[in-house]
Amino acid sequence: MAKKTISQDQLDGFSIDEETNQLFWHDRAIVTPIGLPWWVQVAAVVGGFAGAVTALVNIIRLCLGK
């Protein structure tokens, strides 16, 4: 894909919807899909769960004074 430099005069074509923070170029939405592989999503869930369990164990240990 060829890349083109945008001049300062063309920057007036950009706008942002203040409610959704979506970026527009001459009133057309700029869409940038973001997707992660399934294994990254699984790793994030497992990591979050492990962090929550670790925090819970540490709270219990603090409450018991050990």
N, C-alpha and C. Protein backbone atom coordinates (compact mmCIF):
# COMPACT_ATOMS: atom_id res chain seq x y z
N MET A 1 0.85 -1.17 0.00
CA MET A 1 0.00 0.00 0.00
C MET A 1 0.89 1.23 0.00
N ALA A 2 0.60 2.15 -0.88
CA ALA A 2 1.39 3.38 -0.98
C ALA A 2 1.02 4.32 0.17
N LYS A 3 2.01 5.01 0.65
CA LYS A 3 1.78 5.97 1.72
C LYS A 3 1.89 7.38 1.16
N LYS A 4 1.03 8.26 1.65
CA LYS A 4 1.01 9.63 1.18
C LYS A 4 1.13 10.55 2.38
N THR A 5 1.94 11.56 2.26
CA THR A 5 2.11 12.54 3.32
C THR A 5 0.94 13.52 3.30
N ILE A 6 0.46 13.88 4.48
CA ILE A 6 -0.65 14.83 4.61
C ILE A 6 -0.07 16.19 4.95
N SER A 7 -0.49 17.20 4.19
CA SER A 7 -0.02 18.55 4.47
C SER A 7 -0.84 19.16 5.60
N GLN A 8 -0.35 20.27 6.13
CA GLN A 8 -1.07 20.94 7.22
C GLN A 8 -2.41 21.48 6.75
N ASP A 9 -2.52 21.83 5.48
CA ASP A 9 -3.81 22.30 4.95
C ASP A 9 -4.85 21.19 4.97
N GLN A 10 -4.43 19.94 4.81
CA GLN A 10 -5.37 18.82 4.77
C GLN A 10 -5.82 18.38 6.16
N LEU A 11 -5.16 18.83 7.20
CA LEU A 11 -5.53 18.43 8.56
C LEU A 11 -6.93 18.89 8.95
N ASP A 12 -7.45 19.89 8.25
CA ASP A 12 -8.81 20.34 8.53
C ASP A 12 -9.85 19.28 8.19
N GLY A 13 -9.46 18.26 7.44
CA GLY A 13 -10.37 17.19 7.09
C GLY A 13 -10.64 16.22 8.23
N PHE A 14 -9.82 16.26 9.26
CA PHE A 14 -9.99 15.37 10.40
C PHE A 14 -11.00 15.95 11.39
N SER A 15 -11.81 15.07 11.96
CA SER A 15 -12.72 15.48 13.04
C SER A 15 -12.91 14.29 13.99
N ILE A 16 -13.34 14.59 15.19
CA ILE A 16 -13.54 13.57 16.21
C ILE A 16 -14.94 13.73 16.80
N ASP A 17 -15.66 12.62 16.89
CA ASP A 17 -16.96 12.62 17.55
C ASP A 17 -16.69 12.67 19.06
N GLU A 18 -17.15 13.71 19.71
CA GLU A 18 -16.85 13.90 21.13
C GLU A 18 -17.53 12.89 22.04
N GLU A 19 -18.61 12.26 21.58
CA GLU A 19 -19.30 11.26 22.40
C GLU A 19 -18.62 9.90 22.33
N THR A 20 -18.17 9.50 21.13
CA THR A 20 -17.60 8.17 20.96
C THR A 20 -16.08 8.19 20.78
N ASN A 21 -15.50 9.38 20.63
CA ASN A 21 -14.07 9.55 20.35
C ASN A 21 -13.64 8.84 19.07
N GLN A 22 -14.57 8.69 18.12
CA GLN A 22 -14.26 8.07 16.84
C GLN A 22 -13.68 9.12 15.90
N LEU A 23 -12.69 8.70 15.12
CA LEU A 23 -11.99 9.60 14.20
C LEU A 23 -12.65 9.59 12.83
N PHE A 24 -12.82 10.79 12.23
CA PHE A 24 -13.44 10.93 10.92
C PHE A 24 -12.51 11.70 9.98
N TRP A 25 -12.58 11.37 8.69
CA TRP A 25 -11.85 12.08 7.65
C TRP A 25 -12.88 12.52 6.63
N HIS A 26 -13.12 13.81 6.52
CA HIS A 26 -14.15 14.38 5.65
C HIS A 26 -15.49 13.67 5.87
N ASP A 27 -15.90 13.58 7.13
CA ASP A 27 -17.18 13.00 7.56
C ASP A 27 -17.33 11.51 7.27
N ARG A 28 -16.24 10.82 6.98
CA ARG A 28 -16.28 9.36 6.82
C ARG A 28 -15.46 8.74 7.95
N ALA A 29 -16.05 7.77 8.62
CA ALA A 29 -15.39 7.14 9.77
C ALA A 29 -14.13 6.42 9.33
N ILE A 30 -13.10 6.57 10.13
CA ILE A 30 -11.86 5.83 9.91
C ILE A 30 -11.93 4.60 10.80
N VAL A 31 -11.95 3.43 10.17
CA VAL A 31 -12.11 2.17 10.90
C VAL A 31 -10.78 1.43 10.91
N THR A 32 -10.34 1.11 12.10
CA THR A 32 -9.12 0.32 12.24
C THR A 32 -9.44 -0.89 13.11
N PRO A 33 -9.75 -2.02 12.47
CA PRO A 33 -10.10 -3.21 13.26
C PRO A 33 -8.90 -3.73 14.04
N ILE A 34 -9.17 -4.07 15.28
CA ILE A 34 -8.13 -4.62 16.14
C ILE A 34 -8.60 -5.98 16.61
N GLY A 35 -7.82 -6.98 16.34
CA GLY A 35 -8.17 -8.33 16.78
C GLY A 35 -6.94 -9.04 17.31
N LEU A 36 -7.15 -9.85 18.29
CA LEU A 36 -6.06 -10.63 18.87
C LEU A 36 -6.28 -12.10 18.60
N PRO A 37 -5.20 -12.85 18.43
CA PRO A 37 -5.36 -14.30 18.27
C PRO A 37 -6.01 -14.91 19.51
N TRP A 38 -6.66 -16.04 19.34
CA TRP A 38 -7.39 -16.67 20.43
C TRP A 38 -6.47 -16.97 21.61
N TRP A 39 -5.22 -17.37 21.32
CA TRP A 39 -4.32 -17.75 22.41
C TRP A 39 -3.93 -16.54 23.25
N VAL A 40 -3.88 -15.36 22.67
CA VAL A 40 -3.58 -14.15 23.44
C VAL A 40 -4.76 -13.82 24.35
N GLN A 41 -5.97 -14.00 23.85
CA GLN A 41 -7.15 -13.76 24.66
C GLN A 41 -7.22 -14.73 25.83
N VAL A 42 -6.90 -16.00 25.57
CA VAL A 42 -6.89 -17.01 26.64
C VAL A 42 -5.82 -16.67 27.67
N ALA A 43 -4.64 -16.27 27.20
CA ALA A 43 -3.55 -15.92 28.11
C ALA A 43 -3.93 -14.73 28.98
N ALA A 44 -4.64 -13.76 28.42
CA ALA A 44 -5.06 -12.58 29.19
C ALA A 44 -6.08 -12.98 30.27
N VAL A 45 -7.00 -13.87 29.93
CA VAL A 45 -8.00 -14.32 30.91
C VAL A 45 -7.32 -15.11 32.02
N VAL A 46 -6.42 -16.02 31.64
CA VAL A 46 -5.71 -16.83 32.64
C VAL A 46 -4.87 -15.93 33.54
N GLY A 47 -4.16 -14.97 32.95
CA GLY A 47 -3.34 -14.05 33.74
C GLY A 47 -4.17 -13.20 34.69
N GLY A 48 -5.31 -12.72 34.21
CA GLY A 48 -6.19 -11.93 35.08
C GLY A 48 -6.74 -12.76 36.22
N PHE A 49 -7.15 -13.99 35.93
CA PHE A 49 -7.65 -14.88 36.97
C PHE A 49 -6.56 -15.19 37.99
N ALA A 50 -5.36 -15.48 37.52
CA ALA A 50 -4.25 -15.78 38.44
C ALA A 50 -3.92 -14.57 39.31
N GLY A 51 -3.97 -13.38 38.74
CA GLY A 51 -3.73 -12.17 39.53
C GLY A 51 -4.78 -11.96 40.60
N ALA A 52 -6.04 -12.22 40.25
CA ALA A 52 -7.13 -12.07 41.22
C ALA A 52 -6.99 -13.09 42.35
N VAL A 53 -6.66 -14.33 42.02
CA VAL A 53 -6.49 -15.37 43.04
C VAL A 53 -5.31 -15.01 43.95
N THR A 54 -4.22 -14.54 43.38
CA THR A 54 -3.06 -14.15 44.17
C THR A 54 -3.41 -13.02 45.14
N ALA A 55 -4.15 -12.03 44.65
CA ALA A 55 -4.56 -10.92 45.52
C ALA A 55 -5.46 -11.42 46.64
N LEU A 56 -6.39 -12.30 46.31
CA LEU A 56 -7.30 -12.84 47.32
C LEU A 56 -6.53 -13.62 48.39
N VAL A 57 -5.57 -14.44 47.97
CA VAL A 57 -4.75 -15.20 48.93
C VAL A 57 -3.96 -14.25 49.82
N ASN A 58 -3.40 -13.20 49.26
CA ASN A 58 -2.63 -12.24 50.06
C ASN A 58 -3.52 -11.50 51.06
N ILE A 59 -4.75 -11.17 50.66
CA ILE A 59 -5.67 -10.51 51.59
C ILE A 59 -6.01 -11.46 52.76
N ILE A 60 -6.27 -12.70 52.43
CA ILE A 60 -6.58 -13.69 53.48
C ILE A 60 -5.40 -13.86 54.42
N ARG A 61 -4.18 -13.91 53.86
CA ARG A 61 -3.00 -14.06 54.71
C ARG A 61 -2.80 -12.85 55.61
N LEU A 62 -3.09 -11.65 55.11
CA LEU A 62 -2.97 -10.44 55.93
C LEU A 62 -4.00 -10.44 57.05
N CYS A 63 -5.21 -10.88 56.74
CA CYS A 63 -6.26 -10.90 57.75
C CYS A 63 -5.99 -11.93 58.84
N LEU A 64 -5.35 -13.03 58.48
CA LEU A 64 -5.03 -14.07 59.46
C LEU A 64 -3.73 -13.81 60.19
N GLY A 65 -2.98 -12.81 59.70
CA GLY A 65 -1.72 -12.46 60.37
C GLY A 65 -0.60 -13.42 60.12
N LYS A 66 -0.59 -14.10 59.02
CA LYS A 66 0.49 -15.04 58.73
C LYS A 66 1.44 -14.47 57.72
